[in-house]
Amino acid sequence: QVQLVESGGGLVQAGGSLRLSCAASGSTFSIDNMGWYRQAPGKQRELVARITSGSTTIVDYAVFVKGRFTISRDSAKNTVYLQMNNLKSEDTAVYYCYARQIVTGELTWGQGTQVTVSS
């Protein structure tokens, strides 16, 4: 099994920056890709960004964060980061880290971290 621990959320003014971290432990060899979803009040959870594991790195972003957010990973630490720049009030949400299993496709979720952007 994989366990995920997130950190880095908080309150920031519009135009500011935050960096989220997601540390994976346990059966990390079974991870296909990791990334971040977010969920705002009254809205569905939506994909923000993802990054593949292994020797070839592929990243993918939601259109609403392209050019502002950057996902990266430190394989030695089994940690994925989400650098969020030029934050907007509409980025306010709970951000959830996930890890996808190679064999089953099952998603493991982190506990979520609140990001609040004040205008």
C-alpha atoms as a PDB file:
ATOM      1  CA  GLN A   1       0.000   0.000   0.000  1.00  0.00           C
ATOM      2  CA  VAL A   2       0.946   3.626  -0.515  1.00  0.00           C
ATOM      3  CA  GLN A   3       0.519   6.404   2.004  1.00  0.00           C
ATOM      4  CA  LEU A   4       0.543  10.093   1.068  1.00  0.00           C
ATOM      5  CA  VAL A   5       1.215  13.081   3.309  1.00  0.00           C
ATOM      6  CA  GLU A   6       0.604  16.577   2.010  1.00  0.00           C
ATOM      7  CA  SER A   7       1.873  19.910   3.237  1.00  0.00           C
ATOM      8  CA  GLY A   8       2.174  23.499   2.130  1.00  0.00           C
ATOM      9  CA  GLY A   9      -1.323  24.909   1.899  1.00  0.00           C
ATOM     10  CA  GLY A  10      -2.370  28.190   3.459  1.00  0.00           C
ATOM     11  CA  LEU A  11      -3.704  31.685   2.923  1.00  0.00           C
ATOM     12  CA  VAL A  12      -2.181  33.944   0.302  1.00  0.00           C
ATOM     13  CA  GLN A  13      -3.147  37.125  -1.484  1.00  0.00           C
ATOM     14  CA  ALA A  14      -4.038  37.115  -5.152  1.00  0.00           C
ATOM     15  CA  GLY A  15      -0.890  37.181  -7.250  1.00  0.00           C
ATOM     16  CA  GLY A  16       1.076  35.349  -4.587  1.00  0.00           C
ATOM     17  CA  SER A  17       2.671  31.913  -4.569  1.00  0.00           C
ATOM     18  CA  LEU A  18       2.504  28.676  -2.623  1.00  0.00           C
ATOM     19  CA  ARG A  19       4.245  25.328  -2.945  1.00  0.00           C
ATOM     20  CA  LEU A  20       2.508  22.099  -2.063  1.00  0.00           C
ATOM     21  CA  SER A  21       4.397  18.911  -1.237  1.00  0.00           C
ATOM     22  CA  CYS A  22       3.214  15.311  -1.294  1.00  0.00           C
ATOM     23  CA  ALA A  23       5.449  12.646   0.224  1.00  0.00           C
ATOM     24  CA  ALA A  24       4.739   9.023  -0.643  1.00  0.00           C
ATOM     25  CA  SER A  25       5.707   6.039   1.491  1.00  0.00           C
ATOM     26  CA  GLY A  26       5.069   2.314   1.459  1.00  0.00           C
ATOM     27  CA  SER A  27       4.900   0.500  -1.879  1.00  0.00           C
ATOM     28  CA  THR A  28       6.132   3.429  -3.942  1.00  0.00           C
ATOM     29  CA  PHE A  29       7.499   1.088  -6.626  1.00  0.00           C
ATOM     30  CA  SER A  30       3.884   0.381  -7.614  1.00  0.00           C
ATOM     31  CA  ILE A  31       3.103   4.000  -8.512  1.00  0.00           C
ATOM     32  CA  ASP A  32       2.423   4.853 -12.132  1.00  0.00           C
ATOM     33  CA  ASN A  33       1.889   8.571 -11.766  1.00  0.00           C
ATOM     34  CA  MET A  34       1.132  11.147  -9.117  1.00  0.00           C
ATOM     35  CA  GLY A  35      -0.520  14.496  -9.157  1.00  0.00           C
ATOM     36  CA  TRP A  36      -3.007  16.894  -7.700  1.00  0.00           C
ATOM     37  CA  TYR A  37      -6.746  17.348  -7.828  1.00  0.00           C
ATOM     38  CA  ARG A  38      -8.663  20.167  -6.222  1.00  0.00           C
ATOM     39  CA  GLN A  39     -12.194  20.622  -4.980  1.00  0.00           C
ATOM     40  CA  ALA A  40     -13.856  23.946  -4.321  1.00  0.00           C
ATOM     41  CA  PRO A  41     -17.047  24.211  -2.229  1.00  0.00           C
ATOM     42  CA  GLY A  42     -20.053  23.027  -4.177  1.00  0.00           C
ATOM     43  CA  LYS A  43     -17.941  21.858  -7.113  1.00  0.00           C
ATOM     44  CA  GLN A  44     -16.655  18.535  -8.359  1.00  0.00           C
ATOM     45  CA  ARG A  45     -13.095  17.439  -7.813  1.00  0.00           C
ATOM     46  CA  GLU A  46     -10.971  18.349 -10.836  1.00  0.00           C
ATOM     47  CA  LEU A  47      -7.512  17.387 -12.040  1.00  0.00           C
ATOM     48  CA  VAL A  48      -4.908  20.118 -11.699  1.00  0.00           C
ATOM     49  CA  ALA A  49      -1.647  18.463 -12.772  1.00  0.00           C
ATOM     50  CA  ARG A  50       0.047  15.094 -12.937  1.00  0.00           C
ATOM     51  CA  ILE A  51       3.504  13.674 -13.463  1.00  0.00           C
ATOM     52  CA  THR A  52       4.647  10.199 -14.413  1.00  0.00           C
ATOM     53  CA  SER A  53       7.016   8.046 -12.416  1.00  0.00           C
ATOM     54  CA  GLY A  54       9.975   6.218 -13.901  1.00  0.00           C
ATOM     55  CA  SER A  55      12.845   7.302 -16.113  1.00  0.00           C
ATOM     56  CA  THR A  56      10.770   9.318 -18.588  1.00  0.00           C
ATOM     57  CA  THR A  57       8.933  12.284 -17.130  1.00  0.00           C
ATOM     58  CA  ILE A  58       5.645  13.351 -18.646  1.00  0.00           C
ATOM     59  CA  VAL A  59       3.620  16.175 -17.153  1.00  0.00           C
ATOM     60  CA  ASP A  60       0.092  17.255 -17.844  1.00  0.00           C
ATOM     61  CA  TYR A  61      -1.793  20.359 -16.702  1.00  0.00           C
ATOM     62  CA  ALA A  62      -5.354  21.521 -16.635  1.00  0.00           C
ATOM     63  CA  VAL A  63      -5.864  24.438 -18.979  1.00  0.00           C
ATOM     64  CA  PHE A  64      -6.802  26.757 -16.128  1.00  0.00           C
ATOM     65  CA  VAL A  65      -3.353  26.426 -14.486  1.00  0.00           C
ATOM     66  CA  LYS A  66      -1.059  26.284 -17.515  1.00  0.00           C
ATOM     67  CA  GLY A  67       1.658  28.879 -17.286  1.00  0.00           C
ATOM     68  CA  ARG A  68       1.046  29.442 -13.569  1.00  0.00           C
ATOM     69  CA  PHE A  69       1.539  26.066 -11.877  1.00  0.00           C
ATOM     70  CA  THR A  70       4.492  23.694 -12.171  1.00  0.00           C
ATOM     71  CA  ILE A  71       4.533  20.084 -11.040  1.00  0.00           C
ATOM     72  CA  SER A  72       7.822  18.355 -10.298  1.00  0.00           C
ATOM     73  CA  ARG A  73       9.133  15.352  -8.435  1.00  0.00           C
ATOM     74  CA  ASP A  74      12.121  14.286  -6.373  1.00  0.00           C
ATOM     75  CA  SER A  75      12.360  10.562  -6.984  1.00  0.00           C
ATOM     76  CA  ALA A  76      14.940  10.063  -4.246  1.00  0.00           C
ATOM     77  CA  LYS A  77      12.479  11.476  -1.702  1.00  0.00           C
ATOM     78  CA  ASN A  78       9.356   9.991  -3.320  1.00  0.00           C
ATOM     79  CA  THR A  79       7.920  13.488  -3.202  1.00  0.00           C
ATOM     80  CA  VAL A  80       5.916  15.489  -5.708  1.00  0.00           C
ATOM     81  CA  TYR A  81       5.658  19.264  -5.618  1.00  0.00           C
ATOM     82  CA  LEU A  82       3.169  21.741  -7.006  1.00  0.00           C
ATOM     83  CA  GLN A  83       4.539  25.247  -7.356  1.00  0.00           C
ATOM     84  CA  MET A  84       1.635  27.646  -7.699  1.00  0.00           C
ATOM     85  CA  ASN A  85       2.360  31.168  -8.914  1.00  0.00           C
ATOM     86  CA  ASN A  86       0.121  34.102  -9.745  1.00  0.00           C
ATOM     87  CA  LEU A  87      -2.658  32.619  -7.656  1.00  0.00           C
ATOM     88  CA  LYS A  88      -6.207  33.758  -8.259  1.00  0.00           C
ATOM     89  CA  SER A  89      -9.253  33.743  -6.007  1.00  0.00           C
ATOM     90  CA  GLU A  90     -10.728  30.965  -8.155  1.00  0.00           C
ATOM     91  CA  ASP A  91      -7.802  28.732  -7.159  1.00  0.00           C
ATOM     92  CA  THR A  92      -9.254  28.563  -3.658  1.00  0.00           C
ATOM     93  CA  ALA A  93      -9.967  24.906  -2.926  1.00  0.00           C
ATOM     94  CA  VAL A  94      -8.846  21.860  -1.021  1.00  0.00           C
ATOM     95  CA  TYR A  95      -5.976  20.315  -2.937  1.00  0.00           C
ATOM     96  CA  TYR A  96      -5.609  16.548  -2.869  1.00  0.00           C
ATOM     97  CA  CYS A  97      -2.523  14.640  -3.829  1.00  0.00           C
ATOM     98  CA  TYR A  98      -3.038  11.250  -5.452  1.00  0.00           C
ATOM     99  CA  ALA A  99      -0.950   8.282  -6.544  1.00  0.00           C
ATOM    100  CA  ARG A 100      -2.101   5.866  -9.231  1.00  0.00           C
ATOM    101  CA  GLN A 101      -1.214   2.180  -9.003  1.00  0.00           C
ATOM    102  CA  ILE A 102       0.427   0.650 -12.068  1.00  0.00           C
ATOM    103  CA  VAL A 103      -1.402  -2.685 -12.013  1.00  0.00           C
ATOM    104  CA  THR A 104      -4.879  -1.836 -10.769  1.00  0.00           C
ATOM    105  CA  GLY A 105      -5.221   1.813 -11.705  1.00  0.00           C
ATOM    106  CA  GLU A 106      -6.478   2.454  -8.180  1.00  0.00           C
ATOM    107  CA  LEU A 107      -5.966   5.950  -6.780  1.00  0.00           C
ATOM    108  CA  THR A 108      -4.652   6.562  -3.292  1.00  0.00           C
ATOM    109  CA  TRP A 109      -5.449   9.988  -1.855  1.00  0.00           C
ATOM    110  CA  GLY A 110      -3.739  12.309   0.548  1.00  0.00           C
ATOM    111  CA  GLN A 111      -5.627  14.012   3.366  1.00  0.00           C
ATOM    112  CA  GLY A 112      -6.049  17.263   1.460  1.00  0.00           C
ATOM    113  CA  THR A 113      -4.657  20.717   2.142  1.00  0.00           C
ATOM    114  CA  GLN A 114      -6.582  23.973   2.050  1.00  0.00           C
ATOM    115  CA  VAL A 115      -5.458  26.737  -0.283  1.00  0.00           C
ATOM    116  CA  THR A 116      -7.210  30.067   0.159  1.00  0.00           C
ATOM    117  CA  VAL A 117      -6.510  33.011  -2.115  1.00  0.00           C
ATOM    118  CA  SER A 118      -7.820  36.372  -0.985  1.00  0.00           C
ATOM    119  CA  SER A 119      -8.626  39.044  -3.546  1.00  0.00           C
END
